[in-house]
Amino acid sequence: MSPKKHPSANNTYETERLILRPMSHDDRDFVFELYNRPKFIQHIGNRNVNSIEDAENYILNRFVPQIERLGFGNYLLVTKEGHEKVGAVGIFEREGLDIVDIGYSLLEEFEGKGYAFEAAQKVKSIGMDEFGLTKISAIISKENVSSQKLIEKLGLKFKKHVILPGETEELNYYETE
């Protein structure tokens, strides 16, 4: 079987209600806001994005290189109706994990509308159908029950507990079957 041709790293995707486009330095204000929300810090962690400049550097040093190298990474979620930036979703290479990890986060005011599931479902299909990934994992804090339900709805199954390098929190680890 020949390897799948990788789509352009600049591909934008759509779901019924959302536009998913690769995160760029233009999104620094949004990343600063999202990454400093208490819920983001509680469930995902403090990424030390303490200024707009930190947010831009985070995008340029973490998101852009992966998308350029692999063709997929972190996508900004924008509503088709109203063009509001509501969150982010992506597939990430993560130290301590052998399988790429799907992750997502929304501004609280956009939670409960199905956006995270809609976006995660799209990114999962992009990874598997367009990039030929055979497995996708997810790591979720033990108290983040809504995220655990979303991941299970996506078809990932709980496998074990993990602690990532340099971290202390034990996380739930999920994987596609």
Protein backbone atom coordinates (compact mmCIF):
# COMPACT_ATOMS: atom_id res chain seq x y z
CA MET A 1 0.00 0.00 0.00
CA SER A 2 1.45 3.37 -0.96
CA PRO A 3 1.69 6.05 1.73
CA LYS A 4 -1.02 8.67 1.75
CA LYS A 5 -0.15 12.00 0.20
CA HIS A 6 -0.08 14.61 2.92
CA PRO A 7 -2.41 17.56 2.34
CA SER A 8 -1.02 21.05 2.58
CA ALA A 9 -0.19 22.29 6.05
CA ASN A 10 -2.34 25.33 5.28
CA ASN A 11 -5.54 23.36 4.75
CA THR A 12 -8.68 24.77 6.25
CA TYR A 13 -11.50 22.37 7.06
CA GLU A 14 -15.20 22.78 7.72
CA THR A 15 -17.85 21.05 9.76
CA GLU A 16 -21.53 21.84 9.76
CA ARG A 17 -21.06 24.89 12.02
CA LEU A 18 -17.32 25.49 12.25
CA ILE A 19 -14.27 26.46 10.25
CA LEU A 20 -11.02 24.83 11.40
CA ARG A 21 -7.87 26.58 10.26
CA PRO A 22 -4.25 26.13 11.31
CA MET A 23 -3.29 28.34 14.24
CA SER A 24 -1.08 31.27 13.18
CA HIS A 25 0.67 34.21 14.85
CA ASP A 26 -2.48 36.26 14.09
CA ASP A 27 -4.23 34.21 16.78
CA ARG A 28 -1.91 35.34 19.59
CA ASP A 29 -4.61 37.41 21.36
CA PHE A 30 -7.01 34.47 21.32
CA VAL A 31 -4.37 31.99 22.55
CA PHE A 32 -3.44 34.39 25.35
CA GLU A 33 -7.08 34.62 26.43
CA LEU A 34 -7.84 30.89 26.12
CA TYR A 35 -4.65 29.68 27.82
CA ASN A 36 -5.20 31.96 30.79
CA ARG A 37 -8.77 30.93 31.51
CA PRO A 38 -9.03 29.21 34.92
CA LYS A 39 -10.71 26.13 33.39
CA PHE A 40 -7.91 25.75 30.81
CA ILE A 41 -5.26 25.96 33.53
CA GLN A 42 -7.22 23.51 35.74
CA HIS A 43 -7.83 20.84 33.07
CA ILE A 44 -4.97 21.29 30.62
CA GLY A 45 -2.29 23.08 32.60
CA ASN A 46 -0.45 26.34 32.90
CA ARG A 47 1.50 26.83 29.68
CA ASN A 48 3.20 30.01 31.00
CA VAL A 49 1.58 32.17 28.34
CA ASN A 50 1.77 35.34 30.44
CA SER A 51 1.72 37.95 27.67
CA ILE A 52 0.66 38.42 24.06
CA GLU A 53 4.33 37.98 23.12
CA ASP A 54 4.42 34.64 25.00
CA ALA A 55 1.31 33.56 23.08
CA GLU A 56 2.90 34.45 19.75
CA ASN A 57 6.11 32.60 20.67
CA TYR A 58 4.09 29.57 21.78
CA ILE A 59 2.33 29.47 18.41
CA LEU A 60 5.53 30.02 16.40
CA ASN A 61 7.66 27.58 18.42
CA ARG A 62 5.12 24.80 19.17
CA PHE A 63 2.23 24.86 16.71
CA VAL A 64 3.76 26.09 13.45
CA PRO A 65 6.76 23.69 13.38
CA GLN A 66 4.57 20.60 13.91
CA ILE A 67 2.06 21.59 11.24
CA GLU A 68 4.90 22.32 8.80
CA ARG A 69 6.61 19.00 9.58
CA LEU A 70 3.59 16.68 9.80
CA GLY A 71 0.85 18.57 7.96
CA PHE A 72 -1.49 18.55 10.96
CA GLY A 73 -1.49 20.18 14.37
CA ASN A 74 -3.53 22.77 16.23
CA TYR A 75 -6.55 24.39 14.59
CA LEU A 76 -8.47 27.48 15.56
CA LEU A 77 -12.24 26.97 15.73
CA VAL A 78 -14.30 29.76 14.20
CA THR A 79 -18.09 29.71 13.94
CA LYS A 80 -19.47 29.96 10.41
CA GLU A 81 -22.29 32.10 11.75
CA GLY A 82 -20.84 35.19 13.39
CA HIS A 83 -17.18 34.28 12.75
CA GLU A 84 -16.43 34.03 16.47
CA LYS A 85 -13.24 32.38 17.68
CA VAL A 86 -14.53 29.76 20.11
CA GLY A 87 -11.66 27.38 20.80
CA ALA A 88 -8.94 25.12 19.46
CA VAL A 89 -8.62 21.47 18.50
CA GLY A 90 -5.65 19.49 17.30
CA ILE A 91 -3.58 16.37 17.08
CA PHE A 92 -0.25 16.73 18.82
CA GLU A 93 3.04 14.94 19.22
CA ARG A 94 3.56 14.89 22.97
CA GLU A 95 6.63 13.92 24.93
CA GLY A 96 5.96 10.76 26.88
CA LEU A 97 3.32 9.44 24.46
CA ASP A 98 4.08 7.04 21.61
CA ILE A 99 0.83 7.82 19.80
CA VAL A 100 -0.29 11.32 18.73
CA ASP A 101 -2.75 12.91 21.11
CA ILE A 102 -6.04 14.64 20.28
CA GLY A 103 -6.84 17.68 22.36
CA TYR A 104 -9.35 20.52 22.43
CA SER A 105 -10.34 23.51 24.49
CA LEU A 106 -13.16 26.01 24.27
CA LEU A 107 -13.89 29.34 25.86
CA GLU A 108 -16.42 28.54 28.60
CA GLU A 109 -19.14 30.64 26.99
CA PHE A 110 -19.16 28.26 24.00
CA GLU A 111 -19.22 24.99 25.95
CA GLY A 112 -22.31 22.79 25.91
CA LYS A 113 -23.13 23.50 22.26
CA GLY A 114 -21.45 20.42 20.77
CA TYR A 115 -18.60 22.39 19.19
CA ALA A 116 -15.82 20.38 20.86
CA PHE A 117 -17.26 17.04 19.72
CA GLU A 118 -17.95 18.34 16.20
CA ALA A 119 -14.40 19.68 15.87
CA ALA A 120 -12.71 16.68 17.52
CA GLN A 121 -14.63 14.28 15.28
CA LYS A 122 -13.44 16.22 12.22
CA VAL A 123 -9.82 16.33 13.37
CA LYS A 124 -9.87 12.61 14.18
CA SER A 125 -11.12 11.85 10.65
CA ILE A 126 -8.52 14.20 9.11
CA GLY A 127 -5.76 12.41 11.03
CA MET A 128 -6.92 8.93 10.16
CA ASP A 129 -8.36 9.41 6.65
CA GLU A 130 -6.03 12.06 5.21
CA PHE A 131 -2.82 11.41 7.12
CA GLY A 132 -3.09 7.65 7.56
CA LEU A 133 -2.83 7.63 11.34
CA THR A 134 -3.81 4.21 12.64
CA LYS A 135 -4.17 5.21 16.29
CA ILE A 136 -4.93 8.37 18.20
CA SER A 137 -4.64 8.82 21.95
CA ALA A 138 -6.01 11.31 24.46
CA ILE A 139 -4.94 12.30 27.95
CA ILE A 140 -7.49 13.77 30.32
CA SER A 141 -7.36 14.86 33.93
CA LYS A 142 -9.25 12.50 36.23
CA GLU A 143 -11.77 15.13 37.32
CA ASN A 144 -12.64 16.30 33.77
CA VAL A 145 -15.64 14.00 33.35
CA SER A 146 -17.23 15.92 30.45
CA SER A 147 -14.03 15.55 28.42
CA GLN A 148 -13.82 11.85 29.29
CA LYS A 149 -17.36 11.37 27.94
CA LEU A 150 -16.53 13.27 24.76
CA ILE A 151 -13.42 11.14 24.12
CA GLU A 152 -15.39 7.94 24.68
CA LYS A 153 -18.09 9.20 22.30
CA LEU A 154 -15.28 9.68 19.74
CA GLY A 155 -14.50 5.97 20.06
CA LEU A 156 -11.41 6.09 22.27
CA LYS A 157 -11.21 3.68 25.19
CA PHE A 158 -9.60 4.13 28.60
CA LYS A 159 -6.37 2.10 28.77
CA LYS A 160 -4.34 3.18 31.81
CA HIS A 161 -3.09 6.06 33.95
CA VAL A 162 0.01 7.99 32.86
CA ILE A 163 2.25 10.75 34.17
CA LEU A 164 3.92 12.79 31.44
CA PRO A 165 7.63 13.72 31.70
CA GLY A 166 8.15 16.75 33.92
CA GLU A 167 4.61 16.52 35.34
CA THR A 168 3.23 15.20 38.62
CA GLU A 169 -0.48 14.71 37.84
CA GLU A 170 -1.64 11.22 36.95
CA LEU A 171 -3.87 11.42 33.86
CA ASN A 172 -6.36 9.07 32.24
CA TYR A 173 -4.95 7.71 28.96
CA TYR A 174 -7.32 6.77 26.13
CA GLU A 175 -6.60 5.21 22.75
CA THR A 176 -8.48 4.22 19.60
CA GLU A 177 -9.07 0.48 19.34
